[in-house]
Amino acid sequence: MSSAPPLAYIYDRCATANPAMMELRLRACSEYVEEQGWGWGGWFVDKGDDPLTSDRRPALDNLVHSIQAVSPDTERVCLL
Protein backbone atom coordinates (compact mmCIF):
# COMPACT_ATOMS: atom_id res chain seq x y z
CA MET A 1 0.00 0.00 0.00
CA SER A 2 0.97 3.61 -0.55
CA SER A 3 2.17 5.85 2.28
CA ALA A 4 -0.42 8.44 1.22
CA PRO A 5 -3.56 8.68 3.33
CA PRO A 6 -6.52 6.59 2.20
CA LEU A 7 -9.16 8.08 -0.07
CA ALA A 8 -12.57 8.28 1.57
CA TYR A 9 -15.75 7.77 -0.43
CA ILE A 10 -19.11 8.64 1.10
CA TYR A 11 -22.40 7.12 -0.05
CA ASP A 12 -25.90 7.88 1.18
CA ARG A 13 -29.42 7.70 -0.12
CA CYS A 14 -32.48 9.84 0.50
CA ALA A 15 -36.00 9.00 -0.60
CA THR A 16 -37.78 11.70 1.40
CA ALA A 17 -38.64 15.27 0.43
CA ASN A 18 -36.78 16.53 3.49
CA PRO A 19 -33.05 15.85 3.22
CA ALA A 20 -32.21 17.20 6.70
CA MET A 21 -31.28 13.83 8.25
CA MET A 22 -29.21 12.87 5.23
CA GLU A 23 -27.37 16.20 5.44
CA LEU A 24 -26.61 15.54 9.12
CA ARG A 25 -25.22 12.08 8.27
CA LEU A 26 -23.10 13.50 5.45
CA ARG A 27 -21.77 16.26 7.71
CA ALA A 28 -20.86 13.69 10.37
CA CYS A 29 -19.07 11.54 7.78
CA SER A 30 -17.23 14.59 6.47
CA GLU A 31 -16.04 15.52 9.95
CA TYR A 32 -14.89 11.94 10.55
CA VAL A 33 -12.90 11.92 7.30
CA GLU A 34 -11.24 15.20 8.30
CA GLU A 35 -10.42 13.87 11.80
CA GLN A 36 -8.80 10.78 10.30
CA GLY A 37 -6.71 12.86 7.90
CA TRP A 38 -7.99 10.95 4.88
CA GLY A 39 -8.16 12.29 1.36
CA TRP A 40 -11.42 12.74 -0.53
CA GLY A 41 -12.54 10.25 -3.14
CA GLY A 42 -15.99 11.75 -3.54
CA TRP A 43 -19.58 12.05 -2.37
CA PHE A 44 -22.25 9.86 -3.90
CA VAL A 45 -25.95 10.28 -3.08
CA ASP A 46 -28.96 8.57 -4.61
CA LYS A 47 -32.14 10.64 -4.28
CA GLY A 48 -35.79 10.41 -5.22
CA ASP A 49 -37.01 7.00 -6.35
CA ASP A 50 -33.54 5.56 -7.01
CA PRO A 51 -32.89 4.64 -3.34
CA LEU A 52 -36.11 2.62 -3.28
CA THR A 53 -35.11 0.21 -6.01
CA SER A 54 -32.82 -2.79 -5.81
CA ASP A 55 -31.74 -2.60 -9.44
CA ARG A 56 -31.10 1.09 -10.15
CA ARG A 57 -28.80 3.13 -7.95
CA PRO A 58 -26.80 5.41 -10.26
CA ALA A 59 -24.79 7.11 -7.50
CA LEU A 60 -23.83 3.74 -6.00
CA ASP A 61 -22.77 2.54 -9.46
CA ASN A 62 -20.67 5.71 -9.89
CA LEU A 63 -19.10 5.11 -6.47
CA VAL A 64 -18.07 1.58 -7.39
CA HIS A 65 -16.61 2.73 -10.72
CA SER A 66 -14.71 5.56 -9.01
CA ILE A 67 -13.22 3.21 -6.46
CA GLN A 68 -12.20 0.75 -9.18
CA ALA A 69 -10.55 3.55 -11.21
CA VAL A 70 -8.05 4.37 -8.45
CA SER A 71 -4.64 2.76 -8.46
CA PRO A 72 -4.61 -0.62 -6.68
CA ASP A 73 -1.81 0.78 -4.49
CA THR A 74 -4.15 3.40 -3.03
CA GLU A 75 -6.00 2.47 0.13
CA ARG A 76 -9.70 3.27 -0.08
CA VAL A 77 -12.35 3.68 2.61
CA CYS A 78 -16.09 3.75 1.99
CA LEU A 79 -18.48 5.31 4.51
CA LEU A 80 -22.13 4.40 4.07
PDB file of N, CA and C in Angstrom:
ATOM      1  N   MET A   1       0.827  -1.185   0.000  1.00  0.00           N
ATOM      2  CA  MET A   1       0.000   0.000   0.000  1.00  0.00           C
ATOM      3  C   MET A   1       0.876   1.255   0.000  1.00  0.00           C
ATOM      4  N   SER A   2       0.294   2.324  -0.481  1.00  0.00           N
ATOM      5  CA  SER A   2       0.965   3.613  -0.548  1.00  0.00           C
ATOM      6  C   SER A   2       1.090   4.220   0.844  1.00  0.00           C
ATOM      7  N   SER A   3       2.044   5.143   1.003  1.00  0.00           N
ATOM      8  CA  SER A   3       2.169   5.849   2.280  1.00  0.00           C
ATOM      9  C   SER A   3       1.216   7.044   2.341  1.00  0.00           C
ATOM     10  N   ALA A   4       0.560   7.351   1.247  1.00  0.00           N
ATOM     11  CA  ALA A   4      -0.416   8.440   1.218  1.00  0.00           C
ATOM     12  C   ALA A   4      -1.644   8.045   2.038  1.00  0.00           C
ATOM     13  N   PRO A   5      -2.364   9.033   2.571  1.00  0.00           N
ATOM     14  CA  PRO A   5      -3.563   8.684   3.335  1.00  0.00           C
ATOM     15  C   PRO A   5      -4.608   8.028   2.429  1.00  0.00           C
ATOM     16  N   PRO A   6      -5.463   7.221   3.003  1.00  0.00           N
ATOM     17  CA  PRO A   6      -6.517   6.588   2.200  1.00  0.00           C
ATOM     18  C   PRO A   6      -7.450   7.637   1.592  1.00  0.00           C
ATOM     19  N   LEU A   7      -8.101   7.245   0.522  1.00  0.00           N
ATOM     20  CA  LEU A   7      -9.155   8.079  -0.067  1.00  0.00           C
ATOM     21  C   LEU A   7     -10.492   7.631   0.510  1.00  0.00           C
ATOM     22  N   ALA A   8     -11.258   8.577   0.983  1.00  0.00           N
ATOM     23  CA  ALA A   8     -12.567   8.279   1.567  1.00  0.00           C
ATOM     24  C   ALA A   8     -13.671   8.577   0.560  1.00  0.00           C
ATOM     25  N   TYR A   9     -14.570   7.633   0.436  1.00  0.00           N
ATOM     26  CA  TYR A   9     -15.746   7.767  -0.426  1.00  0.00           C
ATOM     27  C   TYR A   9     -16.969   7.696   0.481  1.00  0.00           C
ATOM     28  N   ILE A  10     -17.902   8.605   0.261  1.00  0.00           N
ATOM     29  CA  ILE A  10     -19.105   8.643   1.096  1.00  0.00           C
ATOM     30  C   ILE A  10     -20.321   8.377   0.215  1.00  0.00           C
ATOM     31  N   TYR A  11     -21.153   7.435   0.659  1.00  0.00           N
ATOM     32  CA  TYR A  11     -22.399   7.119  -0.048  1.00  0.00           C
ATOM     33  C   TYR A  11     -23.570   7.243   0.919  1.00  0.00           C
ATOM     34  N   ASP A  12     -24.651   7.822   0.413  1.00  0.00           N
ATOM     35  CA  ASP A  12     -25.897   7.878   1.179  1.00  0.00           C
ATOM     36  C   ASP A  12     -27.048   7.851   0.179  1.00  0.00           C
ATOM     37  N   ARG A  13     -28.217   7.697   0.714  1.00  0.00           N
ATOM     38  CA  ARG A  13     -29.422   7.697  -0.119  1.00  0.00           C
ATOM     39  C   ARG A  13     -30.535   8.399   0.638  1.00  0.00           C
ATOM     40  N   CYS A  14     -31.402   9.074  -0.118  1.00  0.00           N
ATOM     41  CA  CYS A  14     -32.476   9.839   0.499  1.00  0.00           C
ATOM     42  C   CYS A  14     -33.708   9.746  -0.389  1.00  0.00           C
ATOM     43  N   ALA A  15     -34.757   9.160   0.156  1.00  0.00           N
ATOM     44  CA  ALA A  15     -35.996   9.000  -0.604  1.00  0.00           C
ATOM     45  C   ALA A  15     -37.095   9.927  -0.098  1.00  0.00           C
ATOM     46  N   THR A  16     -36.774  10.799   0.850  1.00  0.00           N
ATOM     47  CA  THR A  16     -37.778  11.703   1.398  1.00  0.00           C
ATOM     48  C   THR A  16     -37.621  13.097   0.807  1.00  0.00           C
ATOM     49  N   ALA A  17     -38.678  13.892   0.932  1.00  0.00           N
ATOM     50  CA  ALA A  17     -38.645  15.266   0.432  1.00  0.00           C
ATOM     51  C   ALA A  17     -37.773  16.162   1.320  1.00  0.00           C
ATOM     52  N   ASN A  18     -37.571  15.746   2.559  1.00  0.00           N
ATOM     53  CA  ASN A  18     -36.781  16.528   3.492  1.00  0.00           C
ATOM     54  C   ASN A  18     -35.411  15.863   3.685  1.00  0.00           C
ATOM     55  N   PRO A  19     -34.371  16.468   3.137  1.00  0.00           N
ATOM     56  CA  PRO A  19     -33.047  15.845   3.219  1.00  0.00           C
ATOM     57  C   PRO A  19     -32.277  16.179   4.494  1.00  0.00           C
ATOM     58  N   ALA A  20     -32.921  16.738   5.499  1.00  0.00           N
ATOM     59  CA  ALA A  20     -32.214  17.205   6.702  1.00  0.00           C
ATOM     60  C   ALA A  20     -31.415  16.096   7.389  1.00  0.00           C
ATOM     61  N   MET A  21     -31.996  14.919   7.580  1.00  0.00           N
ATOM     62  CA  MET A  21     -31.285  13.826   8.248  1.00  0.00           C
ATOM     63  C   MET A  21     -30.099  13.346   7.415  1.00  0.00           C
ATOM     64  N   MET A  22     -30.306  13.277   6.106  1.00  0.00           N
ATOM     65  CA  MET A  22     -29.211  12.869   5.233  1.00  0.00           C
ATOM     66  C   MET A  22     -28.072  13.883   5.333  1.00  0.00           C
ATOM     67  N   GLU A  23     -28.401  15.166   5.340  1.00  0.00           N
ATOM     68  CA  GLU A  23     -27.374  16.198   5.443  1.00  0.00           C
ATOM     69  C   GLU A  23     -26.602  16.085   6.758  1.00  0.00           C
ATOM     70  N   LEU A  24     -27.291  15.746   7.839  1.00  0.00           N
ATOM     71  CA  LEU A  24     -26.608  15.540   9.120  1.00  0.00           C
ATOM     72  C   LEU A  24     -25.652  14.350   9.048  1.00  0.00           C
ATOM     73  N   ARG A  25     -26.093  13.267   8.415  1.00  0.00           N
ATOM     74  CA  ARG A  25     -25.221  12.085   8.267  1.00  0.00           C
ATOM     75  C   ARG A  25     -23.992  12.426   7.426  1.00  0.00           C
ATOM     76  N   LEU A  26     -24.214  13.142   6.329  1.00  0.00           N
ATOM     77  CA  LEU A  26     -23.104  13.503   5.454  1.00  0.00           C
ATOM     78  C   LEU A  26     -22.121  14.426   6.167  1.00  0.00           C
ATOM     79  N   ARG A  27     -22.636  15.353   6.948  1.00  0.00           N
ATOM     80  CA  ARG A  27     -21.774  16.256   7.706  1.00  0.00           C
ATOM     81  C   ARG A  27     -20.944  15.463   8.723  1.00  0.00           C
ATOM     82  N   ALA A  28     -21.585  14.515   9.399  1.00  0.00           N
ATOM     83  CA  ALA A  28     -20.860  13.689  10.374  1.00  0.00           C
ATOM     84  C   ALA A  28     -19.771  12.864   9.690  1.00  0.00           C
ATOM     85  N   CYS A  29     -20.081  12.309   8.531  1.00  0.00           N
ATOM     86  CA  CYS A  29     -19.074  11.541   7.781  1.00  0.00           C
ATOM     87  C   CYS A  29     -17.922  12.445   7.354  1.00  0.00           C
ATOM     88  N   SER A  30     -18.249  13.635   6.896  1.00  0.00           N
ATOM     89  CA  SER A  30     -17.232  14.593   6.467  1.00  0.00           C
ATOM     90  C   SER A  30     -16.290  14.946   7.618  1.00  0.00           C
ATOM     91  N   GLU A  31     -16.858  15.199   8.776  1.00  0.00           N
ATOM     92  CA  GLU A  31     -16.041  15.515   9.950  1.00  0.00           C
ATOM     93  C   GLU A  31     -15.147  14.336  10.322  1.00  0.00           C
ATOM     94  N   TYR A  32     -15.679  13.131  10.230  1.00  0.00           N
ATOM     95  CA  TYR A  32     -14.894  11.936  10.550  1.00  0.00           C
ATOM     96  C   TYR A  32     -13.711  11.790   9.593  1.00  0.00           C
ATOM     97  N   VAL A  33     -13.970  12.007   8.305  1.00  0.00           N
ATOM     98  CA  VAL A  33     -12.902  11.922   7.299  1.00  0.00           C
ATOM     99  C   VAL A  33     -11.805  12.936   7.621  1.00  0.00           C
ATOM    100  N   GLU A  34     -12.212  14.155   7.950  1.00  0.00           N
ATOM    101  CA  GLU A  34     -11.241  15.200   8.303  1.00  0.00           C
ATOM    102  C   GLU A  34     -10.431  14.794   9.533  1.00  0.00           C
ATOM    103  N   GLU A  35     -11.104  14.285  10.562  1.00  0.00           N
ATOM    104  CA  GLU A  35     -10.422  13.869  11.799  1.00  0.00           C
ATOM    105  C   GLU A  35      -9.389  12.776  11.532  1.00  0.00           C
ATOM    106  N   GLN A  36      -9.699  11.888  10.610  1.00  0.00           N
ATOM    107  CA  GLN A  36      -8.796  10.782  10.299  1.00  0.00           C
ATOM    108  C   GLN A  36      -7.630  11.217   9.415  1.00  0.00           C
ATOM    109  N   GLY A  37      -7.757  12.378   8.797  1.00  0.00           N
ATOM    110  CA  GLY A  37      -6.711  12.855   7.897  1.00  0.00           C
ATOM    111  C   GLY A  37      -6.721  12.170   6.543  1.00  0.00           C
ATOM    112  N   TRP A  38      -7.862  11.639   6.168  1.00  0.00           N
ATOM    113  CA  TRP A  38      -7.988  10.946   4.883  1.00  0.00           C
ATOM    114  C   TRP A  38      -8.194  11.945   3.755  1.00  0.00           C
ATOM    115  N   GLY A  39      -7.875  11.510   2.546  1.00  0.00           N
ATOM    116  CA  GLY A  39      -8.158  12.292   1.358  1.00  0.00           C
ATOM    117  C   GLY A  39      -9.600  12.060   0.919  1.00  0.00           C
ATOM    118  N   TRP A  40     -10.036  12.861  -0.041  1.00  0.00           N
ATOM    119  CA  TRP A  40     -11.422  12.744  -0.526  1.00  0.00           C
ATOM    120  C   TRP A  40     -11.474  12.017  -1.853  1.00  0.00           C
ATOM    121  N   GLY A  41     -12.286  10.961  -1.894  1.00  0.00           N
ATOM    122  CA  GLY A  41     -12.535  10.249  -3.138  1.00  0.00           C
ATOM    123  C   GLY A  41     -13.811  10.723  -3.801  1.00  0.00           C
ATOM    124  N   GLY A  42     -14.757  11.203  -2.987  1.00  0.00           N
ATOM    125  CA  GLY A  42     -15.994  11.748  -3.543  1.00  0.00           C
ATOM    126  C   GLY A  42     -17.208  11.463  -2.688  1.00  0.00           C
ATOM    127  N   TRP A  43     -18.259  12.207  -2.995  1.00  0.00           N
ATOM    128  CA  TRP A  43     -19.577  12.055  -2.373  1.00  0.00           C
ATOM    129  C   TRP A  43     -20.507  11.450  -3.412  1.00  0.00           C
ATOM    130  N   PHE A  44     -21.323  10.522  -2.993  1.00  0.00           N
ATOM    131  CA  PHE A  44     -22.249   9.861  -3.905  1.00  0.00           C
ATOM    132  C   PHE A  44     -23.586   9.698  -3.187  1.00  0.00           C
ATOM    133  N   VAL A  45     -24.645  10.297  -3.742  1.00  0.00           N
ATOM    134  CA  VAL A  45     -25.950  10.285  -3.082  1.00  0.00           C
ATOM    135  C   VAL A  45     -27.025   9.933  -4.104  1.00  0.00           C
ATOM    136  N   ASP A  46     -27.777   8.895  -3.819  1.00  0.00           N
ATOM    137  CA  ASP A  46     -28.960   8.569  -4.611  1.00  0.00           C
ATOM    138  C   ASP A  46     -30.162   9.233  -3.962  1.00  0.00           C
ATOM    139  N   LYS A  47     -30.972   9.923  -4.787  1.00  0.00           N
ATOM    140  CA  LYS A  47     -32.144  10.644  -4.279  1.00  0.00           C
ATOM    141  C   LYS A  47     -33.392  10.246  -5.058  1.00  0.00           C
ATOM    142  N   GLY A  48     -34.524  10.658  -4.531  1.00  0.00           N
ATOM    143  CA  GLY A  48     -35.792  10.406  -5.220  1.00  0.00           C
ATOM    144  C   GLY A  48     -36.184   8.946  -5.163  1.00  0.00           C
ATOM    145  N   ASP A  49     -36.578   8.401  -6.300  1.00  0.00           N
ATOM    146  CA  ASP A  49     -37.009   7.000  -6.350  1.00  0.00           C
ATOM    147  C   ASP A  49     -35.840   6.013  -6.420  1.00  0.00           C
ATOM    148  N   ASP A  50     -34.677   6.472  -6.856  1.00  0.00           N
ATOM    149  CA  ASP A  50     -33.538   5.559  -7.007  1.00  0.00           C
ATOM    150  C   ASP A  50     -33.196   4.788  -5.737  1.00  0.00           C
ATOM    151  N   PRO A  51     -33.220   5.405  -4.548  1.00  0.00           N
ATOM    152  CA  PRO A  51     -32.892   4.637  -3.341  1.00  0.00           C
ATOM    153  C   PRO A  51     -33.889   3.529  -3.007  1.00  0.00           C
ATOM    154  N   LEU A  52     -35.066   3.597  -3.605  1.00  0.00           N
ATOM    155  CA  LEU A  52     -36.114   2.621  -3.278  1.00  0.00           C
ATOM    156  C   LEU A  52     -36.037   1.361  -4.128  1.00  0.00           C
ATOM    157  N   THR A  53     -35.184   1.356  -5.121  1.00  0.00           N
ATOM    158  CA  THR A  53     -35.108   0.207  -6.010  1.00  0.00           C
ATOM    159  C   THR A  53     -33.913  -0.664  -5.642  1.00  0.00           C
ATOM    160  N   SER A  54     -33.961  -1.900  -6.041  1.00  0.00           N
ATOM    161  CA  SER A  54     -32.824  -2.789  -5.808  1.00  0.00           C
ATOM    162  C   SER A  54     -32.003  -2.968  -7.081  1.00  0.00           C
ATOM    163  N   ASP A  55     -32.443  -2.381  -8.183  1.00  0.00           N
ATOM    164  CA  ASP A  55     -31.741  -2.597  -9.443  1.00  0.00           C
ATOM    165  C   ASP A  55     -31.234  -1.315 -10.099  1.00  0.00           C
ATOM    166  N   ARG A  56     -31.542  -0.160  -9.519  1.00  0.00           N
ATOM    167  CA  ARG A  56     -31.103   1.087 -10.145  1.00  0.00           C
ATOM    168  C   ARG A  56     -30.667   2.072  -9.070  1.00  0.00           C
ATOM    169  N   ARG A  57     -29.376   2.152  -8.881  1.00  0.00           N
ATOM    170  CA  ARG A  57     -28.804   3.134  -7.947  1.00  0.00           C
ATOM    171  C   ARG A  57     -27.614   3.784  -8.646  1.00  0.00           C
ATOM    172  N   PRO A  58     -27.879   4.814  -9.456  1.00  0.00           N
ATOM    173  CA  PRO A  58     -26.802   5.414 -10.262  1.00  0.00           C
ATOM    174  C   PRO A  58     -25.625   5.947  -9.440  1.00  0.00           C
ATOM    175  N   ALA A  59     -25.903   6.581  -8.307  1.00  0.00           N
ATOM    176  CA  ALA A  59     -24.795   7.111  -7.504  1.00  0.00           C
ATOM    177  C   ALA A  59     -23.948   5.972  -6.927  1.00  0.00           C
ATOM    178  N   LEU A  60     -24.575   4.891  -6.509  1.00  0.00           N
ATOM    179  CA  LEU A  60     -23.829   3.739  -6.004  1.00  0.00           C
ATOM    180  C   LEU A  60     -22.982   3.131  -7.120  1.00  0.00           C
ATOM    181  N   ASP A  61     -23.545   3.031  -8.313  1.00  0.00           N
ATOM    182  CA  ASP A  61     -22.765   2.543  -9.460  1.00  0.00           C
ATOM    183  C   ASP A  61     -21.562   3.439  -9.722  1.00  0.00           C
ATOM    184  N   ASN A  62     -21.768   4.770  -9.676  1.00  0.00           N
ATOM    185  CA  ASN A  62     -20.667   5.707  -9.889  1.00  0.00           C
ATOM    186  C   ASN A  62     -19.603   5.565  -8.797  1.00  0.00           C
ATOM    187  N   LEU A  63     -20.037   5.328  -7.573  1.00  0.00           N
ATOM    188  CA  LEU A  63     -19.099   5.112  -6.469  1.00  0.00           C
ATOM    189  C   LEU A  63     -18.213   3.903  -6.750  1.00  0.00           C
ATOM    190  N   VAL A  64     -18.825   2.806  -7.122  1.00  0.00           N
ATOM    191  CA  VAL A  64     -18.066   1.578  -7.394  1.00  0.00           C
ATOM    192  C   VAL A  64     -17.072   1.807  -8.529  1.00  0.00           C
ATOM    193  N   HIS A  65     -17.508   2.468  -9.590  1.00  0.00           N
ATOM    194  CA  HIS A  65     -16.612   2.730 -10.724  1.00  0.00           C
ATOM    195  C   HIS A  65     -15.464   3.654 -10.320  1.00  0.00           C
ATOM    196  N   SER A  66     -15.752   4.643  -9.478  1.00  0.00           N
ATOM    197  CA  SER A  66     -14.706   5.561  -9.013  1.00  0.00           C
ATOM    198  C   SER A  66     -13.674   4.833  -8.168  1.00  0.00           C
ATOM    199  N   ILE A  67     -14.141   3.972  -7.290  1.00  0.00           N
ATOM    200  CA  ILE A  67     -13.218   3.206  -6.457  1.00  0.00           C
ATOM    201  C   ILE A  67     -12.342   2.295  -7.314  1.00  0.00           C
ATOM    202  N   GLN A  68     -12.946   1.660  -8.311  1.00  0.00           N
ATOM    203  CA  GLN A  68     -12.202   0.752  -9.183  1.00  0.00           C
ATOM    204  C   GLN A  68     -11.186   1.486 -10.050  1.00  0.00           C
ATOM    205  N   ALA A  69     -11.435   2.777 -10.326  1.00  0.00           N
ATOM    206  CA  ALA A  69     -10.552   3.545 -11.213  1.00  0.00           C
ATOM    207  C   ALA A  69      -9.261   4.002 -10.527  1.00  0.00           C
ATOM    208  N   VAL A  70      -9.230   3.936  -9.207  1.00  0.00           N
ATOM    209  CA  VAL A  70      -8.050   4.366  -8.453  1.00  0.00           C
ATOM    210  C   VAL A  70      -6.987   3.275  -8.495  1.00  0.00           C
ATOM    211  N   SER A  71      -5.754   3.698  -8.448  1.00  0.00           N
ATOM    212  CA  SER A  71      -4.635   2.755  -8.461  1.00  0.00           C
ATOM    213  C   SER A  71      -4.810   1.695  -7.372  1.00  0.00           C
ATOM    214  N   PRO A  72      -4.503   0.448  -7.686  1.00  0.00           N
ATOM    215  CA  PRO A  72      -4.607  -0.620  -6.679  1.00  0.00           C
ATOM    216  C   PRO A  72      -3.710  -0.376  -5.459  1.00  0.00           C
ATOM    217  N   ASP A  73      -2.706   0.475  -5.605  1.00  0.00           N
ATOM    218  CA  ASP A  73      -1.807   0.781  -4.491  1.00  0.00           C
ATOM    219  C   ASP A  73      -2.400   1.795  -3.512  1.00  0.00           C
ATOM    220  N   THR A  74      -3.520   2.392  -3.881  1.00  0.00           N
ATOM    221  CA  THR A  74      -4.149   3.401  -3.034  1.00  0.00           C
ATOM    222  C   THR A  74      -5.176   2.749  -2.123  1.00  0.00           C
ATOM    223  N   GLU A  75      -5.012   2.986  -0.824  1.00  0.00           N
ATOM    224  CA  GLU A  75      -6.000   2.468   0.130  1.00  0.00           C
ATOM    225  C   GLU A  75      -7.274   3.295   0.008  1.00  0.00           C
ATOM    226  N   ARG A  76      -8.404   2.616   0.040  1.00  0.00           N
ATOM    227  CA  ARG A  76      -9.700   3.266  -0.082  1.00  0.00           C
ATOM    228  C   ARG A  76     -10.592   2.902   1.091  1.00  0.00           C
ATOM    229  N   VAL A  77     -11.407   3.870   1.518  1.00  0.00           N
ATOM    230  CA  VAL A  77     -12.353   3.678   2.611  1.00  0.00           C
ATOM    231  C   VAL A  77     -13.704   4.153   2.118  1.00  0.00           C
ATOM    232  N   CYS A  78     -14.744   3.372   2.405  1.00  0.00           N
ATOM    233  CA  CYS A  78     -16.091   3.755   1.990  1.00  0.00           C
ATOM    234  C   CYS A  78     -16.972   3.889   3.230  1.00  0.00           C
ATOM    235  N   LEU A  79     -17.558   5.052   3.406  1.00  0.00           N
ATOM    236  CA  LEU A  79     -18.481   5.310   4.507  1.00  0.00           C
ATOM    237  C   LEU A  79     -19.894   5.302   3.949  1.00  0.00           C
ATOM    238  N   LEU A  80     -20.760   4.502   4.547  1.00  0.00           N
ATOM    239  CA  LEU A  80     -22.134   4.396   4.071  1.00  0.00           C
ATOM    240  C   LEU A  80     -23.074   4.955   5.100  1.00  0.00           C
TER     241      LEU A  80
END
